[in-house]
Amino acid sequence: MMGILIAVEGVDASGKQTQTELLYQHLINKGIDVRRLSFPVYTSDSSAGVRMYLNGELSERAEDITAYAASSLFAADRFLSYKSDWGKDYENGKLILCDRYVGSNMIHQACKLEGEEKDKFLDWLDDFEFGIYSLPKPDLTLFLDMPPEKGRELIAARRNKIDNSEQHDIHERDSAYLEKSYHNACAVADKFGWTRVCCVDGDKIRTVEDISREICAIADKVLKN
């Protein structure tokens, strides 16, 4: 019996890690057999190509690496980790909760393209990861909709609290790229029918707890069906 897969997606500073953790604790408290994952799997050799890309070893500019080439690195990491590790849990009926999944490829790579080329790439990527690699499709994809101007506020606040020497990957260092990623993410969410969770209310960023309550309610409804 196959399990259930829930993916949490969004651009940088949307709160993916925090909300995935809170949803994980909620599911654990309900007695659900759940495993939490985060992609890329930086602790595994499967992510070697991804790390080279994000560290700027292939190019200092993300847009210098084509959407197809870059996305194949992230897809390989998911495929290798699925076949060698978490696939067994999923195939035995466990709920898999992912902080980023295939949707992150769509968000960060499709923004390099426009118009028909973008749609062509998204259709190719959907078939590549879910068809050729046979990765499980999410039963629920939660899109944390954090507008870029609010995300920049959170990034600035976070950087003020940490060592200024913290390293940022080539996506995080490019503000124009982050802006494009957000608008692309909104289009991708509509195309693939993701469940959108608005992270702002009017001109204010919603509290972590408020967003979490909405996410947990959505997940509970899906798990009942």
N, C-alpha and C. Protein backbone atom coordinates (compact mmCIF):
# COMPACT_ATOMS: atom_id res chain seq x y z
N MET A 1 0.84 -1.20 0.00
CA MET A 1 0.00 0.00 0.00
C MET A 1 0.87 1.25 0.00
N MET A 2 0.69 2.09 -1.01
CA MET A 2 1.47 3.31 -1.09
C MET A 2 1.03 4.30 -0.02
N GLY A 3 1.96 5.16 0.38
CA GLY A 3 1.68 6.14 1.41
C GLY A 3 1.07 7.41 0.83
N ILE A 4 1.17 8.46 1.60
CA ILE A 4 0.69 9.78 1.20
C ILE A 4 1.89 10.71 1.20
N LEU A 5 1.94 11.63 0.24
CA LEU A 5 3.05 12.58 0.16
C LEU A 5 2.49 14.00 0.17
N ILE A 6 2.99 14.79 1.11
CA ILE A 6 2.63 16.21 1.22
C ILE A 6 3.90 17.03 1.01
N ALA A 7 3.83 18.01 0.11
CA ALA A 7 4.98 18.87 -0.16
C ALA A 7 4.68 20.31 0.23
N VAL A 8 5.66 20.96 0.83
CA VAL A 8 5.54 22.37 1.21
C VAL A 8 6.49 23.17 0.32
N GLU A 9 5.93 24.08 -0.48
CA GLU A 9 6.72 24.84 -1.45
C GLU A 9 6.58 26.34 -1.21
N GLY A 10 7.53 27.09 -1.76
CA GLY A 10 7.50 28.54 -1.66
C GLY A 10 8.87 29.10 -1.99
N VAL A 11 8.95 30.40 -2.19
CA VAL A 11 10.24 31.03 -2.47
C VAL A 11 10.98 31.24 -1.15
N ASP A 12 12.19 31.76 -1.23
CA ASP A 12 12.99 31.99 -0.03
C ASP A 12 12.27 32.94 0.92
N ALA A 13 12.40 32.67 2.21
CA ALA A 13 11.81 33.46 3.30
C ALA A 13 10.31 33.29 3.41
N SER A 14 9.76 32.27 2.78
CA SER A 14 8.31 32.04 2.90
C SER A 14 7.97 31.20 4.13
N GLY A 15 8.98 30.65 4.78
CA GLY A 15 8.75 29.89 6.01
C GLY A 15 8.56 28.39 5.80
N LYS A 16 9.10 27.86 4.73
CA LYS A 16 8.92 26.44 4.41
C LYS A 16 9.40 25.52 5.53
N GLN A 17 10.62 25.75 6.01
CA GLN A 17 11.18 24.87 7.03
C GLN A 17 10.38 24.94 8.32
N THR A 18 10.03 26.14 8.73
CA THR A 18 9.26 26.32 9.97
C THR A 18 7.90 25.67 9.88
N GLN A 19 7.19 25.90 8.78
CA GLN A 19 5.85 25.36 8.64
C GLN A 19 5.86 23.85 8.44
N THR A 20 6.88 23.33 7.80
CA THR A 20 7.01 21.87 7.67
C THR A 20 7.20 21.24 9.04
N GLU A 21 8.03 21.86 9.87
CA GLU A 21 8.26 21.34 11.22
C GLU A 21 6.99 21.38 12.05
N LEU A 22 6.25 22.46 11.97
CA LEU A 22 5.02 22.58 12.76
C LEU A 22 3.97 21.57 12.28
N LEU A 23 3.86 21.37 10.98
CA LEU A 23 2.92 20.37 10.46
C LEU A 23 3.36 18.98 10.86
N TYR A 24 4.65 18.72 10.85
CA TYR A 24 5.19 17.42 11.28
C TYR A 24 4.80 17.13 12.73
N GLN A 25 4.98 18.11 13.61
CA GLN A 25 4.63 17.92 15.01
C GLN A 25 3.13 17.70 15.18
N HIS A 26 2.34 18.42 14.39
CA HIS A 26 0.89 18.25 14.43
C HIS A 26 0.49 16.83 14.05
N LEU A 27 1.09 16.30 13.00
CA LEU A 27 0.78 14.95 12.55
C LEU A 27 1.24 13.90 13.56
N ILE A 28 2.42 14.12 14.14
CA ILE A 28 2.92 13.21 15.17
C ILE A 28 1.96 13.17 16.35
N ASN A 29 1.48 14.34 16.76
CA ASN A 29 0.56 14.42 17.90
C ASN A 29 -0.77 13.72 17.62
N LYS A 30 -1.11 13.60 16.35
CA LYS A 30 -2.33 12.90 15.98
C LYS A 30 -2.11 11.40 15.83
N GLY A 31 -0.88 10.96 16.08
CA GLY A 31 -0.56 9.54 16.01
C GLY A 31 -0.35 9.02 14.61
N ILE A 32 -0.06 9.90 13.67
CA ILE A 32 0.15 9.50 12.28
C ILE A 32 1.61 9.10 12.05
N ASP A 33 1.80 8.00 11.34
CA ASP A 33 3.14 7.52 11.01
C ASP A 33 3.70 8.37 9.88
N VAL A 34 4.58 9.30 10.20
CA VAL A 34 5.04 10.28 9.23
C VAL A 34 6.56 10.39 9.24
N ARG A 35 7.11 10.61 8.06
CA ARG A 35 8.55 10.87 7.94
C ARG A 35 8.74 12.21 7.25
N ARG A 36 9.60 13.03 7.82
CA ARG A 36 9.87 14.37 7.27
C ARG A 36 11.15 14.33 6.45
N LEU A 37 11.12 14.96 5.27
CA LEU A 37 12.28 15.06 4.40
C LEU A 37 12.51 16.50 4.01
N SER A 38 13.74 16.82 3.63
CA SER A 38 14.07 18.14 3.12
C SER A 38 14.95 17.96 1.89
N PHE A 39 14.58 18.62 0.82
CA PHE A 39 15.37 18.56 -0.41
C PHE A 39 15.98 19.92 -0.72
N PRO A 40 17.21 19.91 -1.25
CA PRO A 40 18.07 18.78 -1.56
C PRO A 40 18.53 18.05 -0.30
N VAL A 41 18.97 16.79 -0.48
CA VAL A 41 19.48 16.00 0.65
C VAL A 41 20.98 16.29 0.77
N TYR A 42 21.30 17.39 1.44
CA TYR A 42 22.68 17.86 1.48
C TYR A 42 23.64 16.89 2.15
N THR A 43 23.14 16.01 3.01
CA THR A 43 24.00 15.07 3.73
C THR A 43 24.32 13.82 2.90
N SER A 44 23.77 13.73 1.70
CA SER A 44 23.96 12.54 0.88
C SER A 44 24.79 12.86 -0.37
N ASP A 45 25.50 11.85 -0.87
CA ASP A 45 26.24 12.01 -2.12
C ASP A 45 25.31 12.29 -3.29
N SER A 46 24.03 11.98 -3.13
CA SER A 46 23.06 12.20 -4.20
C SER A 46 22.94 13.67 -4.59
N SER A 47 23.32 14.56 -3.69
CA SER A 47 23.18 15.99 -3.95
C SER A 47 24.48 16.66 -4.39
N ALA A 48 25.48 15.88 -4.76
CA ALA A 48 26.78 16.46 -5.12
C ALA A 48 26.66 17.48 -6.24
N GLY A 49 25.92 17.15 -7.29
CA GLY A 49 25.75 18.08 -8.40
C GLY A 49 24.99 19.33 -8.00
N VAL A 50 23.98 19.15 -7.16
CA VAL A 50 23.20 20.29 -6.66
C VAL A 50 24.09 21.24 -5.88
N ARG A 51 24.93 20.68 -5.02
CA ARG A 51 25.79 21.52 -4.20
C ARG A 51 26.77 22.32 -5.06
N MET A 52 27.31 21.70 -6.09
CA MET A 52 28.21 22.41 -7.00
C MET A 52 27.48 23.57 -7.68
N TYR A 53 26.23 23.32 -8.10
CA TYR A 53 25.44 24.35 -8.75
C TYR A 53 25.14 25.51 -7.80
N LEU A 54 24.62 25.19 -6.61
CA LEU A 54 24.23 26.25 -5.67
C LEU A 54 25.43 27.01 -5.10
N ASN A 55 26.57 26.35 -5.01
CA ASN A 55 27.76 27.02 -4.49
C ASN A 55 28.43 27.91 -5.53
N GLY A 56 27.91 27.87 -6.76
CA GLY A 56 28.49 28.71 -7.80
C GLY A 56 29.70 28.11 -8.48
N GLU A 57 29.92 26.79 -8.30
CA GLU A 57 31.08 26.15 -8.92
C GLU A 57 30.89 25.96 -10.43
N LEU A 58 29.65 25.90 -10.89
CA LEU A 58 29.37 25.75 -12.32
C LEU A 58 29.25 27.11 -12.99
N SER A 59 28.74 28.08 -12.25
CA SER A 59 28.65 29.46 -12.70
C SER A 59 28.20 30.32 -11.53
N GLU A 60 28.64 31.56 -11.49
CA GLU A 60 28.22 32.48 -10.43
C GLU A 60 26.79 32.96 -10.62
N ARG A 61 26.28 32.83 -11.83
CA ARG A 61 24.92 33.27 -12.13
C ARG A 61 24.03 32.06 -12.42
N ALA A 62 22.92 31.97 -11.69
CA ALA A 62 22.02 30.84 -11.87
C ALA A 62 21.51 30.75 -13.30
N GLU A 63 21.28 31.89 -13.94
CA GLU A 63 20.70 31.89 -15.28
C GLU A 63 21.68 31.42 -16.35
N ASP A 64 22.97 31.26 -16.00
CA ASP A 64 23.93 30.73 -16.96
C ASP A 64 23.78 29.22 -17.14
N ILE A 65 23.14 28.56 -16.19
CA ILE A 65 22.88 27.12 -16.28
C ILE A 65 21.44 26.95 -16.72
N THR A 66 21.21 26.27 -17.83
CA THR A 66 19.86 26.18 -18.38
C THR A 66 18.91 25.51 -17.40
N ALA A 67 17.63 25.82 -17.56
CA ALA A 67 16.60 25.23 -16.70
C ALA A 67 16.64 23.71 -16.78
N TYR A 68 16.86 23.17 -17.96
CA TYR A 68 16.88 21.72 -18.14
C TYR A 68 18.09 21.11 -17.43
N ALA A 69 19.26 21.72 -17.58
CA ALA A 69 20.47 21.17 -16.97
C ALA A 69 20.41 21.25 -15.45
N ALA A 70 20.01 22.42 -14.92
CA ALA A 70 19.96 22.58 -13.47
C ALA A 70 18.90 21.67 -12.84
N SER A 71 17.73 21.60 -13.46
CA SER A 71 16.66 20.80 -12.87
C SER A 71 17.00 19.32 -12.86
N SER A 72 17.81 18.87 -13.83
CA SER A 72 18.19 17.46 -13.85
C SER A 72 19.05 17.09 -12.65
N LEU A 73 19.82 18.05 -12.14
CA LEU A 73 20.64 17.80 -10.95
C LEU A 73 19.76 17.59 -9.72
N PHE A 74 18.76 18.46 -9.54
CA PHE A 74 17.85 18.34 -8.40
C PHE A 74 16.99 17.08 -8.51
N ALA A 75 16.56 16.75 -9.73
CA ALA A 75 15.74 15.57 -9.94
C ALA A 75 16.53 14.30 -9.61
N ALA A 76 17.80 14.28 -9.99
CA ALA A 76 18.64 13.11 -9.71
C ALA A 76 18.78 12.91 -8.20
N ASP A 77 18.91 13.98 -7.46
CA ASP A 77 19.00 13.88 -6.00
C ASP A 77 17.75 13.23 -5.43
N ARG A 78 16.58 13.64 -5.91
CA ARG A 78 15.33 13.04 -5.43
C ARG A 78 15.23 11.57 -5.82
N PHE A 79 15.58 11.26 -7.06
CA PHE A 79 15.49 9.88 -7.54
C PHE A 79 16.42 8.96 -6.75
N LEU A 80 17.67 9.37 -6.59
CA LEU A 80 18.65 8.53 -5.89
C LEU A 80 18.26 8.33 -4.43
N SER A 81 17.77 9.39 -3.78
CA SER A 81 17.38 9.26 -2.37
C SER A 81 16.12 8.41 -2.25
N TYR A 82 15.21 8.51 -3.23
CA TYR A 82 13.99 7.69 -3.21
C TYR A 82 14.34 6.21 -3.33
N LYS A 83 15.20 5.88 -4.28
CA LYS A 83 15.54 4.48 -4.53
C LYS A 83 16.38 3.87 -3.41
N SER A 84 17.20 4.68 -2.76
CA SER A 84 18.10 4.15 -1.75
C SER A 84 17.61 4.32 -0.32
N ASP A 85 16.56 5.12 -0.13
CA ASP A 85 16.17 5.43 1.25
C ASP A 85 14.66 5.51 1.46
N TRP A 86 14.07 6.68 1.23
CA TRP A 86 12.71 6.92 1.70
C TRP A 86 11.62 6.23 0.88
N GLY A 87 11.96 5.73 -0.30
CA GLY A 87 10.97 5.04 -1.11
C GLY A 87 10.37 3.83 -0.42
N LYS A 88 11.18 3.16 0.38
CA LYS A 88 10.69 1.98 1.11
C LYS A 88 9.60 2.38 2.09
N ASP A 89 9.80 3.50 2.78
CA ASP A 89 8.78 3.97 3.73
C ASP A 89 7.50 4.35 3.00
N TYR A 90 7.64 5.06 1.90
CA TYR A 90 6.46 5.47 1.14
C TYR A 90 5.68 4.26 0.64
N GLU A 91 6.39 3.29 0.09
CA GLU A 91 5.75 2.10 -0.47
C GLU A 91 5.13 1.21 0.60
N ASN A 92 5.55 1.41 1.84
CA ASN A 92 4.97 0.65 2.95
C ASN A 92 3.86 1.41 3.67
N GLY A 93 3.42 2.52 3.07
CA GLY A 93 2.25 3.21 3.59
C GLY A 93 2.50 4.39 4.50
N LYS A 94 3.76 4.79 4.67
CA LYS A 94 4.05 5.92 5.57
C LYS A 94 3.74 7.25 4.88
N LEU A 95 3.32 8.22 5.67
CA LEU A 95 3.12 9.58 5.16
C LEU A 95 4.48 10.26 5.04
N ILE A 96 4.77 10.82 3.88
CA ILE A 96 6.02 11.52 3.64
C ILE A 96 5.73 13.02 3.56
N LEU A 97 6.40 13.78 4.40
CA LEU A 97 6.23 15.24 4.44
C LEU A 97 7.52 15.90 3.97
N CYS A 98 7.44 16.64 2.87
CA CYS A 98 8.64 17.21 2.24
C CYS A 98 8.72 18.72 2.35
N ASP A 99 9.83 19.19 2.87
CA ASP A 99 10.18 20.60 2.80
C ASP A 99 10.89 20.78 1.45
N ARG A 100 10.12 21.20 0.44
CA ARG A 100 10.55 21.30 -0.97
C ARG A 100 10.53 19.92 -1.63
N TYR A 101 10.10 19.95 -2.89
CA TYR A 101 10.02 18.70 -3.65
C TYR A 101 10.14 19.07 -5.14
N VAL A 102 9.46 18.37 -5.99
CA VAL A 102 9.54 18.65 -7.42
C VAL A 102 9.13 20.09 -7.73
N GLY A 103 8.18 20.62 -6.97
CA GLY A 103 7.73 21.99 -7.18
C GLY A 103 8.83 23.02 -7.09
N SER A 104 9.86 22.75 -6.31
CA SER A 104 10.96 23.71 -6.20
C SER A 104 11.73 23.83 -7.51
N ASN A 105 11.86 22.71 -8.23
CA ASN A 105 12.46 22.78 -9.56
C ASN A 105 11.63 23.68 -10.46
N MET A 106 10.32 23.51 -10.38
CA MET A 106 9.42 24.30 -11.21
C MET A 106 9.51 25.79 -10.87
N ILE A 107 9.58 26.09 -9.58
CA ILE A 107 9.65 27.48 -9.13
C ILE A 107 10.95 28.15 -9.56
N HIS A 108 12.07 27.50 -9.29
CA HIS A 108 13.36 28.15 -9.46
C HIS A 108 13.96 28.01 -10.86
N GLN A 109 13.51 27.03 -11.62
CA GLN A 109 14.10 26.84 -12.95
C GLN A 109 13.22 27.37 -14.07
N ALA A 110 11.90 27.23 -13.95
CA ALA A 110 11.02 27.72 -15.02
C ALA A 110 11.07 29.23 -15.15
N CYS A 111 11.50 29.93 -14.08
CA CYS A 111 11.57 31.39 -14.15
C CYS A 111 12.67 31.87 -15.10
N LYS A 112 13.50 30.93 -15.57
CA LYS A 112 14.54 31.28 -16.54
C LYS A 112 13.97 31.38 -17.95
N LEU A 113 12.70 30.96 -18.12
CA LEU A 113 12.09 30.88 -19.43
C LEU A 113 10.83 31.73 -19.50
N GLU A 114 10.35 31.96 -20.71
CA GLU A 114 9.15 32.79 -20.90
C GLU A 114 8.17 32.10 -21.85
N GLY A 115 6.89 32.44 -21.70
CA GLY A 115 5.87 32.04 -22.66
C GLY A 115 5.78 30.56 -22.92
N GLU A 116 5.75 30.21 -24.22
CA GLU A 116 5.60 28.81 -24.62
C GLU A 116 6.77 27.96 -24.16
N GLU A 117 7.96 28.54 -24.13
CA GLU A 117 9.14 27.78 -23.69
C GLU A 117 9.00 27.38 -22.22
N LYS A 118 8.40 28.25 -21.42
CA LYS A 118 8.19 27.93 -20.01
C LYS A 118 7.21 26.78 -19.87
N ASP A 119 6.09 26.85 -20.58
CA ASP A 119 5.10 25.77 -20.50
C ASP A 119 5.67 24.46 -21.01
N LYS A 120 6.45 24.53 -22.07
CA LYS A 120 7.09 23.33 -22.62
C LYS A 120 8.02 22.70 -21.58
N PHE A 121 8.79 23.55 -20.90
CA PHE A 121 9.71 23.04 -19.87
C PHE A 121 8.95 22.41 -18.71
N LEU A 122 7.89 23.09 -18.24
CA LEU A 122 7.13 22.57 -17.10
C LEU A 122 6.50 21.22 -17.42
N ASP A 123 5.99 21.07 -18.63
CA ASP A 123 5.42 19.78 -19.03
C ASP A 123 6.50 18.71 -19.12
N TRP A 124 7.67 19.10 -19.65
CA TRP A 124 8.81 18.16 -19.71
C TRP A 124 9.24 17.74 -18.31
N LEU A 125 9.35 18.71 -17.40
CA LEU A 125 9.81 18.41 -16.05
C LEU A 125 8.82 17.52 -15.30
N ASP A 126 7.53 17.79 -15.47
CA ASP A 126 6.50 16.98 -14.85
C ASP A 126 6.63 15.53 -15.30
N ASP A 127 6.87 15.32 -16.60
CA ASP A 127 7.04 13.95 -17.12
C ASP A 127 8.37 13.36 -16.69
N PHE A 128 9.41 14.18 -16.65
CA PHE A 128 10.75 13.70 -16.29
C PHE A 128 10.79 13.15 -14.87
N GLU A 129 10.28 13.91 -13.91
CA GLU A 129 10.37 13.48 -12.51
C GLU A 129 9.31 12.44 -12.16
N PHE A 130 8.07 12.66 -12.58
CA PHE A 130 6.98 11.76 -12.21
C PHE A 130 6.80 10.60 -13.19
N GLY A 131 7.27 10.79 -14.44
CA GLY A 131 7.14 9.74 -15.45
C GLY A 131 8.40 8.91 -15.58
N ILE A 132 9.46 9.51 -16.10
CA ILE A 132 10.70 8.78 -16.33
C ILE A 132 11.32 8.29 -15.04
N TYR A 133 11.41 9.16 -14.02
CA TYR A 133 11.99 8.77 -12.73
C TYR A 133 10.96 8.06 -11.84
N SER A 134 9.70 8.15 -12.19
CA SER A 134 8.61 7.49 -11.44
C SER A 134 8.58 7.88 -9.96
N LEU A 135 8.89 9.14 -9.67
CA LEU A 135 8.76 9.62 -8.31
C LEU A 135 7.28 9.78 -7.97
N PRO A 136 6.89 9.56 -6.71
CA PRO A 136 5.47 9.70 -6.35
C PRO A 136 4.99 11.13 -6.47
N LYS A 137 3.78 11.31 -6.98
CA LYS A 137 3.19 12.64 -7.06
C LYS A 137 2.62 13.02 -5.70
N PRO A 138 2.74 14.27 -5.31
CA PRO A 138 2.17 14.70 -4.03
C PRO A 138 0.64 14.57 -4.03
N ASP A 139 0.11 14.17 -2.89
CA ASP A 139 -1.34 14.19 -2.69
C ASP A 139 -1.79 15.60 -2.34
N LEU A 140 -0.85 16.40 -1.83
CA LEU A 140 -1.13 17.79 -1.48
C LEU A 140 0.16 18.59 -1.61
N THR A 141 0.09 19.68 -2.37
CA THR A 141 1.21 20.62 -2.43
C THR A 141 0.74 21.95 -1.86
N LEU A 142 1.37 22.37 -0.78
CA LEU A 142 1.05 23.62 -0.11
C LEU A 142 2.00 24.70 -0.60
N PHE A 143 1.46 25.76 -1.20
CA PHE A 143 2.27 26.86 -1.68
C PHE A 143 2.17 28.03 -0.71
N LEU A 144 3.28 28.32 -0.04
CA LEU A 144 3.32 29.43 0.91
C LEU A 144 3.56 30.72 0.11
N ASP A 145 2.51 31.48 -0.04
CA ASP A 145 2.53 32.68 -0.87
C ASP A 145 3.00 33.88 -0.04
N MET A 146 4.32 34.12 -0.12
CA MET A 146 4.94 35.26 0.56
C MET A 146 5.43 36.24 -0.49
N PRO A 147 4.77 37.41 -0.65
CA PRO A 147 5.22 38.40 -1.65
C PRO A 147 6.68 38.77 -1.42
N PRO A 148 7.43 39.01 -2.49
CA PRO A 148 8.87 39.24 -2.37
C PRO A 148 9.25 40.42 -1.49
N GLU A 149 8.43 41.50 -1.50
CA GLU A 149 8.79 42.65 -0.66
C GLU A 149 8.71 42.30 0.81
N LYS A 150 7.78 41.42 1.19
CA LYS A 150 7.68 40.98 2.58
C LYS A 150 8.76 39.97 2.90
N GLY A 151 9.08 39.14 1.91
CA GLY A 151 10.15 38.18 2.11
C GLY A 151 11.49 38.88 2.34
N ARG A 152 11.71 39.99 1.63
CA ARG A 152 12.96 40.73 1.82
C ARG A 152 13.04 41.30 3.23
N GLU A 153 11.89 41.71 3.79
CA GLU A 153 11.88 42.20 5.18
C GLU A 153 12.34 41.10 6.13
N LEU A 154 11.84 39.90 5.92
CA LEU A 154 12.20 38.78 6.79
C LEU A 154 13.66 38.38 6.62
N ILE A 155 14.14 38.42 5.38
CA ILE A 155 15.55 38.09 5.13
C ILE A 155 16.46 39.09 5.81
N ALA A 156 16.10 40.38 5.72
CA ALA A 156 16.91 41.42 6.35
C ALA A 156 16.92 41.26 7.86
N ALA A 157 15.76 40.94 8.43
CA ALA A 157 15.68 40.75 9.88
C ALA A 157 16.50 39.54 10.31
N ARG A 158 16.44 38.49 9.50
CA ARG A 158 17.19 37.28 9.83
C ARG A 158 18.69 37.53 9.77
N ARG A 159 19.13 38.28 8.76
CA ARG A 159 20.56 38.55 8.61
C ARG A 159 21.08 39.43 9.74
N ASN A 160 20.23 40.28 10.29
CA ASN A 160 20.65 41.13 11.41
C ASN A 160 20.89 40.33 12.68
N LYS A 161 20.30 39.13 12.73
CA LYS A 161 20.42 38.30 13.94
C LYS A 161 21.55 37.28 13.86
N ILE A 162 22.14 37.15 12.67
CA ILE A 162 23.15 36.11 12.49
C ILE A 162 24.47 36.73 12.07
N ASP A 163 25.48 35.89 12.02
CA ASP A 163 26.81 36.31 11.60
C ASP A 163 26.73 36.76 10.14
N ASN A 164 27.20 37.96 9.86
CA ASN A 164 27.14 38.49 8.50
C ASN A 164 27.97 37.68 7.52
N SER A 165 28.80 36.77 8.02
CA SER A 165 29.62 35.95 7.14
C SER A 165 28.87 34.74 6.61
N GLU A 166 27.60 34.57 6.98
CA GLU A 166 26.83 33.43 6.49
C GLU A 166 26.83 33.41 4.98
N GLN A 167 27.03 32.21 4.41
CA GLN A 167 27.07 32.06 2.98
C GLN A 167 25.66 31.91 2.41
N HIS A 168 25.43 32.50 1.24
CA HIS A 168 24.15 32.38 0.56
C HIS A 168 24.39 31.80 -0.82
N ASP A 169 23.44 30.95 -1.28
CA ASP A 169 23.64 30.30 -2.57
C ASP A 169 23.37 31.29 -3.70
N ILE A 170 23.60 30.85 -4.95
CA ILE A 170 23.51 31.77 -6.07
C ILE A 170 22.09 32.27 -6.32
N HIS A 171 21.10 31.54 -5.84
CA HIS A 171 19.73 32.02 -5.94
C HIS A 171 19.50 33.15 -4.93
N GLU A 172 19.94 32.95 -3.70
CA GLU A 172 19.71 33.92 -2.63
C GLU A 172 20.49 35.22 -2.86
N ARG A 173 21.60 35.15 -3.58
CA ARG A 173 22.42 36.34 -3.81
C ARG A 173 21.88 37.23 -4.92
N ASP A 174 20.91 36.73 -5.67
CA ASP A 174 20.41 37.45 -6.84
C ASP A 174 18.97 37.91 -6.56
N SER A 175 18.79 39.19 -6.17
CA SER A 175 17.47 39.69 -5.79
C SER A 175 16.51 39.69 -6.98
N ALA A 176 17.02 39.99 -8.18
CA ALA A 176 16.15 39.99 -9.37
C ALA A 176 15.66 38.57 -9.65
N TYR A 177 16.52 37.60 -9.44
CA TYR A 177 16.15 36.20 -9.65
C TYR A 177 15.07 35.79 -8.67
N LEU A 178 15.17 36.24 -7.42
CA LEU A 178 14.16 35.92 -6.41
C LEU A 178 12.81 36.52 -6.77
N GLU A 179 12.83 37.73 -7.32
CA GLU A 179 11.59 38.39 -7.73
C GLU A 179 10.92 37.59 -8.85
N LYS A 180 11.71 37.18 -9.83
CA LYS A 180 11.18 36.38 -10.93
C LYS A 180 10.66 35.03 -10.43
N SER A 181 11.35 34.45 -9.45
CA SER A 181 10.94 33.16 -8.91
C SER A 181 9.56 33.24 -8.28
N TYR A 182 9.29 34.34 -7.58
CA TYR A 182 7.98 34.49 -6.93
C TYR A 182 6.86 34.54 -7.95
N HIS A 183 7.00 35.41 -8.95
CA HIS A 183 5.94 35.55 -9.94
C HIS A 183 5.77 34.25 -10.72
N ASN A 184 6.87 33.58 -10.97
CA ASN A 184 6.79 32.27 -11.63
C ASN A 184 6.09 31.26 -10.74
N ALA A 185 6.39 31.29 -9.44
CA ALA A 185 5.77 30.35 -8.50
C ALA A 185 4.26 30.49 -8.50
N CYS A 186 3.77 31.71 -8.55
CA CYS A 186 2.32 31.94 -8.57
C CYS A 186 1.70 31.32 -9.81
N ALA A 187 2.38 31.46 -10.96
CA ALA A 187 1.86 30.89 -12.21
C ALA A 187 1.90 29.36 -12.16
N VAL A 188 2.97 28.81 -11.62
CA VAL A 188 3.10 27.35 -11.51
C VAL A 188 2.04 26.78 -10.57
N ALA A 189 1.80 27.48 -9.47
CA ALA A 189 0.79 27.03 -8.51
C ALA A 189 -0.58 26.94 -9.16
N ASP A 190 -0.89 27.92 -10.01
CA ASP A 190 -2.17 27.90 -10.73
C ASP A 190 -2.21 26.77 -11.76
N LYS A 191 -1.11 26.58 -12.47
CA LYS A 191 -1.05 25.56 -13.53
C LYS A 191 -1.26 24.16 -12.98
N PHE A 192 -0.65 23.88 -11.82
CA PHE A 192 -0.70 22.52 -11.29
C PHE A 192 -1.68 22.35 -10.13
N GLY A 193 -2.45 23.40 -9.84
CA GLY A 193 -3.50 23.27 -8.83
C GLY A 193 -3.00 23.10 -7.41
N TRP A 194 -1.91 23.79 -7.07
CA TRP A 194 -1.41 23.73 -5.70
C TRP A 194 -2.37 24.47 -4.77
N THR A 195 -2.34 24.12 -3.50
CA THR A 195 -3.15 24.79 -2.50
C THR A 195 -2.38 26.00 -1.97
N ARG A 196 -2.90 27.18 -2.23
CA ARG A 196 -2.21 28.42 -1.87
C ARG A 196 -2.54 28.83 -0.44
N VAL A 197 -1.51 29.14 0.33
CA VAL A 197 -1.66 29.64 1.70
C VAL A 197 -1.07 31.05 1.73
N CYS A 198 -1.91 32.05 1.82
CA CYS A 198 -1.45 33.45 1.82
C CYS A 198 -0.75 33.75 3.14
N CYS A 199 0.47 34.26 3.06
CA CYS A 199 1.26 34.53 4.26
C CYS A 199 1.13 35.97 4.75
N VAL A 200 0.33 36.76 4.05
CA VAL A 200 0.10 38.14 4.49
C VAL A 200 -1.40 38.38 4.60
N ASP A 201 -1.75 39.28 5.48
CA ASP A 201 -3.13 39.71 5.64
C ASP A 201 -3.14 41.22 5.49
N GLY A 202 -3.60 41.68 4.33
CA GLY A 202 -3.50 43.11 4.05
C GLY A 202 -2.05 43.48 3.83
N ASP A 203 -1.53 44.37 4.68
CA ASP A 203 -0.14 44.80 4.55
C ASP A 203 0.76 44.17 5.62
N LYS A 204 0.21 43.23 6.38
CA LYS A 204 0.96 42.63 7.47
C LYS A 204 1.24 41.15 7.23
N ILE A 205 2.42 40.74 7.64
CA ILE A 205 2.76 39.32 7.57
C ILE A 205 2.02 38.58 8.67
N ARG A 206 1.33 37.52 8.33
CA ARG A 206 0.61 36.73 9.32
C ARG A 206 1.59 36.07 10.29
N THR A 207 1.13 35.79 11.49
CA THR A 207 2.00 35.13 12.47
C THR A 207 2.24 33.69 12.04
N VAL A 208 3.35 33.16 12.49
CA VAL A 208 3.70 31.76 12.20
C VAL A 208 2.58 30.84 12.67
N GLU A 209 2.05 31.12 13.85
CA GLU A 209 1.01 30.26 14.43
C GLU A 209 -0.28 30.30 13.60
N ASP A 210 -0.63 31.48 13.12
CA ASP A 210 -1.85 31.63 12.33
C ASP A 210 -1.74 30.84 11.02
N ILE A 211 -0.60 30.97 10.36
CA ILE A 211 -0.38 30.23 9.12
C ILE A 211 -0.39 28.73 9.39
N SER A 212 0.23 28.33 10.48
CA SER A 212 0.28 26.91 10.82
C SER A 212 -1.10 26.32 11.05
N ARG A 213 -1.96 27.06 11.71
CA ARG A 213 -3.33 26.55 11.95
C ARG A 213 -4.05 26.29 10.63
N GLU A 214 -3.87 27.18 9.67
CA GLU A 214 -4.52 26.98 8.38
C GLU A 214 -3.95 25.75 7.67
N ILE A 215 -2.63 25.62 7.70
CA ILE A 215 -1.99 24.48 7.04
C ILE A 215 -2.42 23.16 7.66
N CYS A 216 -2.46 23.10 8.97
CA CYS A 216 -2.84 21.86 9.65
C CYS A 216 -4.29 21.50 9.33
N ALA A 217 -5.16 22.49 9.25
CA ALA A 217 -6.56 22.23 8.92
C ALA A 217 -6.69 21.68 7.51
N ILE A 218 -5.90 22.22 6.58
CA ILE A 218 -5.92 21.74 5.18
C ILE A 218 -5.44 20.29 5.13
N ALA A 219 -4.34 20.00 5.82
CA ALA A 219 -3.79 18.64 5.82
C ALA A 219 -4.77 17.66 6.46
N ASP A 220 -5.40 18.05 7.55
CA ASP A 220 -6.37 17.16 8.22
C ASP A 220 -7.52 16.80 7.27
N LYS A 221 -7.96 17.78 6.50
CA LYS A 221 -9.07 17.53 5.56
C LYS A 221 -8.67 16.55 4.48
N VAL A 222 -7.45 16.70 3.96
CA VAL A 222 -6.96 15.79 2.93
C VAL A 222 -6.82 14.37 3.47
N LEU A 223 -6.33 14.25 4.69
CA LEU A 223 -6.09 12.92 5.27
C LEU A 223 -7.40 12.20 5.61
N LYS A 224 -8.48 12.95 5.75
CA LYS A 224 -9.77 12.33 6.04
C LYS A 224 -10.40 11.71 4.80
N ASN A 225 -10.01 12.21 3.62
CA ASN A 225 -10.60 11.76 2.36
C ASN A 225 -10.00 10.45 1.88
